[in-house]
Amino acid sequence: MKTSSFIRNVLTIAGSDSGGGAGIQADVKTITALGGFGMTVITAITAQNTLGVIDYMPIPLDMIEKQFDAVASDIPIHAAKTGMLANPDIVKLVASKIKQYAINNCVVDPVMVAKGGSKLLSDDAIQSVIQNLIPVAYVVTPNIHEAEVLTGKQIKNLDTMKNAAKKIYSYGAHYVVVKGGHLESDPSDVIYDGKNFTVLKNKRIQTKNTHGTGCTFSSAIATYLAKGYNAIEAITKAKEFITKAITFSLPLGKGHGPTNHLVAIVNNEEKIQVVDGIQKAFSILHAAKCGKMFTSGSSNIAFALPYVIDANDIAMFPGGIITYNESIFRIKDPAFGVDHPMAIVMQKITPMSYRAAINLKNEIEYKINIQALGIPVYTCSNIDSLQKTNIPESNKIVCFEIKQENMLYIIGNTPVEIADMILKIKKG
């Protein structure tokens, strides 16, 4: 478990990506997003964008060494990660510096090939990675292609991934993560610690915007290690971080766009506003004595963060809205991750770009009033059929009649907007 909450220092030793999606730029964004302080040793300058690497130039050895010494002699390094190391001399130098400064939490991302297929590591540097760099790694994170290069074996499935992990472990790393993103099946990752295998399963996310995934993943592991998490915890949490970054990746450029490093920052910044929005909507409905419009316990006010993966990104009242005659009450203040049927509905509607919902009794007078206000009503047999509904983007507030629930769900952008509309529905 983590041992402290103050900012920890993480060093990234990698190449610069002029497009901002990978390399040093991706690393610093990740470290910052996870609450660390990022420091850099730049090993190469690349001219690249989402379409690929146009050219690259290694930084002279003495300048790499001066960068490393300048940082390490002045600022404590709680963890480090390596990325693009373009030639054997740079690999040897970086490995020697990691030893010199006794950096134990070192994550090695053996960058060899760019997303577009351009080679980033010379052939003679591969042996140097095996002989010099992996032995100083606490965690090494090759993808399928890199693991094949490092082992000389073809990888096609989970069993061959495990064999590759064993081979790479024998080079001296404490933990090996063979990433399965390039498999045709679901992209499971295999972790090996010399004794046991841990498989991190995940569903494939359909997007071409995956530039910088390896850099982001490895720098996230390093940051979590710096915070005091053990290796398995750090790798697992980094997997969660990169999954969100890919899920909400950015469609920038004409090729492979970057992952979204800002998911956690944006969501964390919005949490107070989300809770406040629910409280304000409740106050509006409470003052208007709307109790008879709701089903006690089943009705709720829900508001989602901008980026939703699961119920932990959605806030609502635990226990729902409680009614007594015309009055409404709540058992507790709004919270995230509440176990309530509304959470399932919210996960269905957020891909439609709606972030809020309030559900009412399914009464004919409410439906008539809703339609009279120009709000479209979509009838669904059950919650699962919600996502199959085609809704014009111009509709800011819509209503779903879910037969199985016998409820009317008023869907919109904020709870306050919906609450104001419910007052109009009440008046008719």
Protein backbone atom coordinates (compact mmCIF):
# COMPACT_ATOMS: atom_id res chain seq x y z
CA MET A 1 0.00 0.00 0.00
CA LYS A 2 1.09 3.59 -0.47
CA THR A 3 3.06 5.08 2.38
CA SER A 4 2.72 8.81 1.79
CA SER A 5 0.57 11.39 0.05
CA PHE A 6 3.02 14.22 -0.65
CA ILE A 7 4.48 14.81 -4.10
CA ARG A 8 7.15 12.33 -5.21
CA ASN A 9 9.84 12.94 -7.83
CA VAL A 10 9.92 10.85 -11.00
CA LEU A 11 12.68 11.02 -13.61
CA THR A 12 11.99 10.16 -17.24
CA ILE A 13 14.95 9.31 -19.46
CA ALA A 14 13.65 9.28 -23.02
CA GLY A 15 13.36 10.97 -26.39
CA SER A 16 11.37 14.07 -27.16
CA ASP A 17 8.23 13.77 -29.31
CA SER A 18 7.59 16.99 -31.22
CA GLY A 19 3.95 15.93 -31.67
CA GLY A 20 3.47 15.78 -27.90
CA GLY A 21 1.79 12.37 -27.80
CA ALA A 22 4.65 10.12 -26.73
CA GLY A 23 8.16 10.25 -25.28
CA ILE A 24 9.18 12.86 -22.74
CA GLN A 25 6.03 14.86 -23.34
CA ALA A 26 3.70 11.93 -22.61
CA ASP A 27 5.78 10.96 -19.58
CA VAL A 28 5.67 14.40 -17.96
CA LYS A 29 1.93 14.69 -18.62
CA THR A 30 1.35 11.31 -16.99
CA ILE A 31 3.56 11.99 -13.97
CA THR A 32 1.85 15.35 -13.43
CA ALA A 33 -1.65 13.92 -13.87
CA LEU A 34 -0.90 11.34 -11.18
CA GLY A 35 0.39 13.92 -8.74
CA GLY A 36 4.14 13.45 -9.20
CA PHE A 37 6.91 15.92 -10.00
CA GLY A 38 8.41 15.12 -13.38
CA MET A 39 12.09 15.56 -14.24
CA THR A 40 13.76 14.79 -17.56
CA VAL A 41 16.90 13.52 -19.22
CA ILE A 42 16.36 13.91 -22.97
CA THR A 43 18.22 11.27 -24.97
CA ALA A 44 17.07 12.17 -28.48
CA ILE A 45 15.12 14.73 -30.42
CA THR A 46 12.57 13.46 -32.89
CA ALA A 47 10.68 15.16 -35.68
CA GLN A 48 7.37 13.32 -35.58
CA ASN A 49 3.63 13.68 -35.66
CA THR A 50 0.61 11.37 -35.64
CA LEU A 51 1.66 9.96 -39.03
CA GLY A 52 5.09 8.78 -37.92
CA VAL A 53 8.72 9.67 -37.24
CA ILE A 54 10.27 11.85 -39.92
CA ASP A 55 13.74 11.92 -38.40
CA TYR A 56 15.55 11.74 -35.08
CA MET A 57 18.85 12.90 -33.64
CA PRO A 58 20.51 11.37 -30.57
CA ILE A 59 21.73 13.82 -27.94
CA PRO A 60 25.53 13.75 -27.42
CA LEU A 61 26.64 11.47 -24.58
CA ASP A 62 28.24 14.21 -22.52
CA MET A 63 25.02 16.24 -22.60
CA ILE A 64 22.95 13.25 -21.54
CA GLU A 65 25.36 12.67 -18.66
CA LYS A 66 25.26 16.33 -17.63
CA GLN A 67 21.45 16.28 -17.58
CA PHE A 68 21.45 13.16 -15.42
CA ASP A 69 24.08 14.48 -13.01
CA ALA A 70 22.39 17.87 -12.74
CA VAL A 71 19.11 16.34 -11.67
CA ALA A 72 20.38 13.46 -9.53
CA SER A 73 22.93 15.51 -7.62
CA ASP A 74 20.30 18.01 -6.54
CA ILE A 75 16.82 16.40 -6.39
CA PRO A 76 15.88 13.07 -4.76
CA ILE A 77 14.69 10.54 -7.36
CA HIS A 78 11.94 8.31 -6.01
CA ALA A 79 11.48 6.45 -9.29
CA ALA A 80 12.63 6.61 -12.89
CA LYS A 81 11.66 5.27 -16.28
CA THR A 82 13.55 4.86 -19.52
CA GLY A 83 12.13 5.19 -23.01
CA MET A 84 13.87 5.81 -26.31
CA LEU A 85 17.62 5.12 -26.04
CA ALA A 86 18.82 5.29 -29.63
CA ASN A 87 22.17 3.51 -29.58
CA PRO A 88 24.33 1.16 -27.46
CA ASP A 89 26.43 3.94 -25.97
CA ILE A 90 23.37 5.77 -24.68
CA VAL A 91 21.99 2.52 -23.27
CA LYS A 92 25.27 1.81 -21.43
CA LEU A 93 25.52 5.36 -20.13
CA VAL A 94 21.96 5.41 -18.82
CA ALA A 95 22.36 1.99 -17.18
CA SER A 96 25.56 3.12 -15.48
CA LYS A 97 23.90 6.29 -14.18
CA ILE A 98 20.96 4.32 -12.77
CA LYS A 99 23.50 2.18 -10.91
CA GLN A 100 25.56 5.17 -9.83
CA TYR A 101 22.62 6.91 -8.22
CA ALA A 102 21.12 3.68 -6.86
CA ILE A 103 17.70 4.20 -8.45
CA ASN A 104 15.85 1.10 -7.34
CA ASN A 105 12.40 1.91 -8.74
CA CYS A 106 13.38 1.93 -12.39
CA VAL A 107 10.87 1.05 -15.11
CA VAL A 108 12.35 0.13 -18.48
CA ASP A 109 10.15 0.63 -21.52
CA PRO A 110 12.32 -0.95 -24.26
CA VAL A 111 11.22 1.41 -27.04
CA MET A 112 12.19 -0.10 -30.38
CA VAL A 113 9.50 0.70 -32.94
CA ALA A 114 7.22 3.73 -33.28
CA LYS A 115 3.45 3.36 -33.74
CA GLY A 116 3.77 4.01 -37.45
CA GLY A 117 6.44 1.29 -37.85
CA SER A 118 9.55 3.50 -37.84
CA LYS A 119 12.56 1.99 -36.10
CA LEU A 120 13.73 3.86 -33.00
CA LEU A 121 16.46 1.52 -31.73
CA SER A 122 19.46 0.30 -33.72
CA ASP A 123 20.16 -3.44 -34.00
CA ASP A 124 23.37 -3.27 -32.02
CA ALA A 125 21.56 -1.47 -29.21
CA ILE A 126 19.28 -4.44 -28.57
CA GLN A 127 22.05 -6.54 -27.01
CA SER A 128 23.05 -3.57 -24.90
CA VAL A 129 19.48 -3.35 -23.57
CA ILE A 130 19.60 -7.05 -22.65
CA GLN A 131 23.07 -6.94 -21.11
CA ASN A 132 23.08 -3.53 -19.45
CA LEU A 133 19.64 -1.99 -19.07
CA ILE A 134 17.25 -4.80 -18.14
CA PRO A 135 19.51 -5.92 -15.24
CA VAL A 136 18.96 -2.52 -13.55
CA ALA A 137 15.20 -2.58 -14.16
CA TYR A 138 12.72 -3.14 -11.36
CA VAL A 139 9.96 -3.46 -13.97
CA VAL A 140 10.39 -3.95 -17.73
CA THR A 141 7.38 -3.41 -20.03
CA PRO A 142 7.86 -4.78 -23.58
CA ASN A 143 4.95 -5.05 -25.98
CA ILE A 144 4.54 -8.17 -28.12
CA HIS A 145 6.87 -6.96 -30.89
CA GLU A 146 9.54 -5.86 -28.43
CA ALA A 147 9.28 -9.11 -26.48
CA GLU A 148 9.78 -11.02 -29.73
CA VAL A 149 12.92 -9.02 -30.47
CA LEU A 150 14.23 -9.48 -26.93
CA THR A 151 13.64 -13.24 -26.92
CA GLY A 152 13.94 -14.19 -30.58
CA LYS A 153 10.66 -16.09 -30.23
CA GLN A 154 7.30 -15.54 -31.95
CA ILE A 155 4.41 -14.63 -29.65
CA LYS A 156 0.86 -15.53 -30.63
CA ASN A 157 -1.07 -16.22 -27.42
CA LEU A 158 -1.06 -16.11 -23.63
CA ASP A 159 1.18 -19.16 -23.26
CA THR A 160 3.89 -17.76 -25.54
CA MET A 161 3.61 -14.44 -23.69
CA LYS A 162 4.35 -16.28 -20.44
CA ASN A 163 7.35 -18.02 -22.01
CA ALA A 164 8.67 -14.67 -23.22
CA ALA A 165 8.18 -13.15 -19.76
CA LYS A 166 10.25 -15.96 -18.22
CA LYS A 167 13.04 -15.42 -20.74
CA ILE A 168 13.14 -11.66 -20.22
CA TYR A 169 13.05 -12.15 -16.44
CA SER A 170 16.22 -14.21 -16.75
CA TYR A 171 18.00 -11.07 -18.01
CA GLY A 172 17.78 -9.58 -14.52
CA ALA A 173 14.55 -7.58 -14.09
CA HIS A 174 12.49 -8.06 -10.94
CA TYR A 175 9.14 -7.86 -12.75
CA VAL A 176 8.29 -8.36 -16.42
CA VAL A 177 5.09 -7.06 -18.01
CA VAL A 178 4.48 -8.40 -21.52
CA LYS A 179 1.76 -6.19 -22.98
CA GLY A 180 -0.83 -7.89 -25.16
CA GLY A 181 -2.18 -4.94 -27.09
CA HIS A 182 -0.90 -6.31 -30.40
CA LEU A 183 -2.60 -9.70 -29.99
CA GLU A 184 -5.60 -10.41 -32.19
CA SER A 185 -7.57 -11.52 -29.13
CA ASP A 186 -8.43 -9.36 -26.11
CA PRO A 187 -5.36 -7.36 -24.97
CA SER A 188 -4.39 -9.14 -21.74
CA ASP A 189 -1.09 -8.23 -20.08
CA VAL A 190 1.10 -10.84 -18.39
CA ILE A 191 3.10 -9.98 -15.25
CA TYR A 192 5.86 -12.32 -14.05
CA ASP A 193 7.84 -11.96 -10.83
CA GLY A 194 10.05 -15.02 -11.16
CA LYS A 195 7.57 -17.30 -9.41
CA ASN A 196 4.01 -16.35 -10.26
CA PHE A 197 2.08 -15.00 -13.22
CA THR A 198 -0.58 -12.31 -12.92
CA VAL A 199 -2.81 -11.73 -15.94
CA LEU A 200 -4.49 -8.34 -16.33
CA LYS A 201 -7.46 -8.85 -18.61
CA ASN A 202 -9.05 -6.07 -20.59
CA LYS A 203 -11.47 -5.60 -23.46
CA ARG A 204 -10.14 -4.10 -26.67
CA ILE A 205 -10.99 -0.45 -27.13
CA GLN A 206 -11.86 0.35 -30.73
CA THR A 207 -9.73 3.37 -31.57
CA LYS A 208 -6.75 4.16 -33.77
CA ASN A 209 -5.64 6.88 -31.36
CA THR A 210 -3.13 4.95 -29.29
CA HIS A 211 0.04 6.98 -29.84
CA GLY A 212 2.11 7.06 -26.66
CA THR A 213 0.41 4.18 -24.84
CA GLY A 214 3.69 2.47 -23.90
CA CYS A 215 5.25 5.69 -22.66
CA THR A 216 2.16 6.56 -20.66
CA PHE A 217 1.85 3.10 -19.13
CA SER A 218 5.49 2.88 -18.05
CA SER A 219 5.60 6.39 -16.61
CA ALA A 220 2.39 5.67 -14.70
CA ILE A 221 3.99 2.55 -13.19
CA ALA A 222 7.02 4.60 -12.17
CA THR A 223 4.84 7.27 -10.57
CA TYR A 224 2.85 4.73 -8.56
CA LEU A 225 6.09 3.05 -7.44
CA ALA A 226 7.38 6.45 -6.33
CA LYS A 227 4.22 6.87 -4.27
CA GLY A 228 4.95 3.67 -2.39
CA TYR A 229 2.73 1.11 -4.10
CA ASN A 230 4.18 -2.35 -4.56
CA ALA A 231 4.91 -3.57 -8.09
CA ILE A 232 1.67 -5.46 -8.72
CA GLU A 233 -0.40 -2.57 -7.33
CA ALA A 234 1.55 -0.03 -9.39
CA ILE A 235 1.19 -2.03 -12.60
CA THR A 236 -2.52 -2.64 -11.99
CA LYS A 237 -3.24 1.02 -11.27
CA ALA A 238 -1.17 2.07 -14.29
CA LYS A 239 -3.27 -0.31 -16.39
CA GLU A 240 -6.42 1.42 -15.13
CA PHE A 241 -4.92 4.82 -15.97
CA ILE A 242 -3.91 3.88 -19.52
CA THR A 243 -7.27 2.19 -20.12
CA LYS A 244 -9.04 5.45 -19.37
CA ALA A 245 -6.51 7.40 -21.44
CA ILE A 246 -7.18 5.14 -24.45
CA THR A 247 -10.95 5.04 -23.92
CA PHE A 248 -11.08 8.83 -24.14
CA SER A 249 -8.19 9.23 -26.59
CA LEU A 250 -7.85 12.39 -28.64
CA PRO A 251 -8.59 12.36 -32.40
CA LEU A 252 -5.78 14.77 -33.24
CA GLY A 253 -3.88 14.79 -36.53
CA LYS A 254 -4.26 12.60 -39.59
CA GLY A 255 -2.74 9.41 -38.18
CA HIS A 256 -2.58 7.76 -34.77
CA GLY A 257 -3.81 10.37 -32.30
CA PRO A 258 -2.56 10.50 -28.69
CA THR A 259 -4.03 9.04 -25.55
CA ASN A 260 -5.75 11.44 -23.18
CA HIS A 261 -3.58 12.10 -20.13
CA LEU A 262 -6.05 14.61 -18.68
CA VAL A 263 -8.87 12.21 -17.79
CA ALA A 264 -7.97 12.01 -14.11
CA ILE A 265 -7.25 15.74 -13.80
CA VAL A 266 -10.51 16.80 -15.45
CA ASN A 267 -12.56 14.30 -13.44
CA ASN A 268 -10.96 15.24 -10.12
CA GLU A 269 -11.50 18.93 -10.80
CA GLU A 270 -15.16 18.33 -11.58
CA LYS A 271 -16.04 16.27 -8.49
CA ILE A 272 -17.01 19.22 -6.30
CA GLN A 273 -19.13 20.75 -9.08
CA VAL A 274 -20.87 17.41 -9.70
CA VAL A 275 -21.87 16.98 -6.04
CA ASP A 276 -22.89 20.64 -5.85
CA GLY A 277 -25.07 20.24 -8.97
CA ILE A 278 -26.97 17.35 -7.38
CA GLN A 279 -27.48 19.29 -4.14
CA LYS A 280 -28.82 22.34 -6.01
CA ALA A 281 -31.22 20.22 -8.06
CA PHE A 282 -32.49 18.56 -4.87
CA SER A 283 -33.07 21.97 -3.27
CA ILE A 284 -35.10 23.11 -6.28
CA LEU A 285 -37.30 20.00 -6.19
CA HIS A 286 -37.60 20.08 -2.39
CA ALA A 287 -38.74 23.71 -2.36
CA ALA A 288 -41.35 22.99 -5.06
CA LYS A 289 -42.79 20.03 -3.07
CA CYS A 290 -42.39 17.50 -5.90
CA GLY A 291 -42.63 14.43 -3.67
CA LYS A 292 -45.63 12.90 -5.47
CA MET A 293 -43.69 12.82 -8.75
CA PHE A 294 -41.09 10.37 -7.44
CA THR A 295 -40.99 6.74 -6.35
CA SER A 296 -39.41 6.59 -2.89
CA GLY A 297 -35.99 4.91 -3.02
CA SER A 298 -36.15 4.16 -6.74
CA SER A 299 -36.01 7.79 -7.88
CA ASN A 300 -32.67 9.55 -7.75
CA ILE A 301 -30.65 12.48 -9.06
CA ALA A 302 -27.50 11.40 -10.91
CA PHE A 303 -24.64 13.43 -12.34
CA ALA A 304 -21.60 11.98 -14.09
CA LEU A 305 -18.03 13.19 -14.34
CA PRO A 306 -16.94 14.19 -17.87
CA TYR A 307 -15.20 10.83 -18.44
CA VAL A 308 -17.13 7.76 -17.28
CA ILE A 309 -15.70 4.25 -17.07
CA ASP A 310 -17.91 2.80 -14.33
CA ALA A 311 -20.18 3.69 -11.40
CA ASN A 312 -17.26 5.24 -9.52
CA ASP A 313 -17.42 8.15 -11.98
CA ILE A 314 -21.12 8.81 -11.26
CA ALA A 315 -22.57 10.56 -8.20
CA MET A 316 -26.07 10.25 -6.73
CA PHE A 317 -27.87 9.85 -3.40
CA PRO A 318 -27.23 6.56 -1.56
CA GLY A 319 -30.67 5.06 -1.02
CA GLY A 320 -32.23 7.39 -3.59
CA ILE A 321 -34.81 10.12 -3.00
CA ILE A 322 -37.13 9.41 -0.07
CA THR A 323 -40.69 10.77 -0.32
CA TYR A 324 -43.38 11.57 2.21
CA ASN A 325 -46.55 13.08 0.77
CA GLU A 326 -45.31 16.11 -1.19
CA SER A 327 -41.93 16.33 0.52
CA ILE A 328 -38.63 14.74 -0.51
CA PHE A 329 -35.68 13.78 1.67
CA ARG A 330 -32.27 12.12 1.31
CA ILE A 331 -30.62 9.66 3.66
CA LYS A 332 -27.07 10.80 2.90
CA ASP A 333 -25.24 13.39 0.85
CA PRO A 334 -24.38 12.58 -2.79
CA ALA A 335 -21.53 10.11 -3.27
CA PHE A 336 -19.67 8.41 -6.09
CA GLY A 337 -19.90 4.67 -6.74
CA VAL A 338 -23.40 4.30 -5.29
CA ASP A 339 -25.12 0.94 -5.80
CA HIS A 340 -28.41 2.05 -7.38
CA PRO A 341 -30.24 1.11 -10.61
CA MET A 342 -29.69 4.66 -11.85
CA ALA A 343 -25.95 3.90 -12.13
CA ILE A 344 -26.66 1.40 -14.92
CA VAL A 345 -28.82 3.93 -16.77
CA MET A 346 -26.10 6.56 -16.48
CA GLN A 347 -23.47 4.26 -17.98
CA LYS A 348 -25.78 3.75 -20.96
CA ILE A 349 -26.44 7.44 -21.60
CA THR A 350 -22.99 8.97 -21.06
CA PRO A 351 -21.73 7.71 -24.45
CA MET A 352 -24.56 9.83 -25.89
CA SER A 353 -22.91 12.89 -24.26
CA TYR A 354 -25.59 13.27 -21.57
CA ARG A 355 -24.26 13.63 -18.04
CA ALA A 356 -27.32 13.92 -15.82
CA ALA A 357 -30.62 12.16 -15.14
CA ILE A 358 -33.60 12.35 -12.77
CA ASN A 359 -36.29 9.67 -12.87
CA LEU A 360 -40.03 10.11 -12.20
CA LYS A 361 -43.11 7.96 -11.84
CA ASN A 362 -44.42 6.79 -15.20
CA GLU A 363 -47.70 8.72 -15.16
CA ILE A 364 -49.67 9.57 -18.31
CA GLU A 365 -50.07 13.22 -17.26
CA TYR A 366 -46.31 13.62 -16.98
CA LYS A 367 -45.79 12.17 -20.47
CA ILE A 368 -48.41 14.52 -21.91
CA ASN A 369 -46.77 17.52 -20.23
CA ILE A 370 -43.30 16.41 -21.31
CA GLN A 371 -44.35 16.18 -24.94
CA ALA A 372 -46.19 19.51 -24.71
CA LEU A 373 -42.89 21.09 -23.64
CA GLY A 374 -41.27 19.80 -26.83
CA ILE A 375 -39.21 17.13 -25.08
CA PRO A 376 -39.02 13.96 -27.19
CA VAL A 377 -40.07 10.74 -25.43
CA TYR A 378 -38.29 7.50 -26.41
CA THR A 379 -39.88 4.26 -25.27
CA CYS A 380 -37.51 1.40 -24.40
CA SER A 381 -38.39 -2.08 -23.21
CA ASN A 382 -35.48 -2.19 -20.75
CA ILE A 383 -32.31 -0.40 -19.70
CA ASP A 384 -30.10 -2.38 -22.09
CA SER A 385 -31.98 -1.03 -25.11
CA LEU A 386 -31.14 2.59 -24.20
CA GLN A 387 -27.93 2.67 -26.23
CA LYS A 388 -29.74 1.51 -29.36
CA THR A 389 -31.76 4.73 -29.47
CA ASN A 390 -30.71 7.26 -32.11
CA ILE A 391 -31.06 10.74 -30.67
CA PRO A 392 -30.34 13.97 -32.62
CA GLU A 393 -27.45 15.90 -31.05
CA SER A 394 -29.64 19.04 -30.98
CA ASN A 395 -31.82 17.56 -28.22
CA LYS A 396 -30.44 18.92 -24.96
CA ILE A 397 -33.12 17.29 -22.80
CA VAL A 398 -34.89 14.03 -23.66
CA CYS A 399 -37.12 11.53 -21.88
CA PHE A 400 -36.79 7.77 -21.82
CA GLU A 401 -39.81 5.70 -20.86
CA ILE A 402 -38.39 2.38 -19.67
CA LYS A 403 -41.21 -0.15 -19.55
CA GLN A 404 -39.41 -2.71 -17.40
CA GLU A 405 -38.70 -0.08 -14.72
CA ASN A 406 -42.06 1.68 -15.21
CA MET A 407 -40.18 4.96 -14.84
CA LEU A 408 -39.62 8.13 -16.86
CA TYR A 409 -35.97 9.18 -17.06
CA ILE A 410 -35.40 12.86 -17.83
CA ILE A 411 -31.92 13.08 -19.35
CA GLY A 412 -29.87 16.23 -19.83
CA ASN A 413 -26.57 17.99 -19.29
CA THR A 414 -26.96 19.08 -15.65
CA PRO A 415 -29.30 18.14 -12.78
CA VAL A 416 -30.30 21.80 -12.32
CA GLU A 417 -31.49 22.07 -15.93
CA ILE A 418 -33.50 18.87 -15.49
CA ALA A 419 -34.93 20.00 -12.13
CA ASP A 420 -36.11 23.28 -13.69
CA MET A 421 -37.77 21.29 -16.45
CA ILE A 422 -39.46 18.99 -13.92
CA LEU A 423 -41.10 22.04 -12.34
CA LYS A 424 -42.59 22.85 -15.73
CA ILE A 425 -43.70 19.24 -16.13
CA LYS A 426 -45.40 19.43 -12.73
CA LYS A 427 -47.30 22.58 -13.63
CA GLY A 428 -48.36 21.18 -17.02
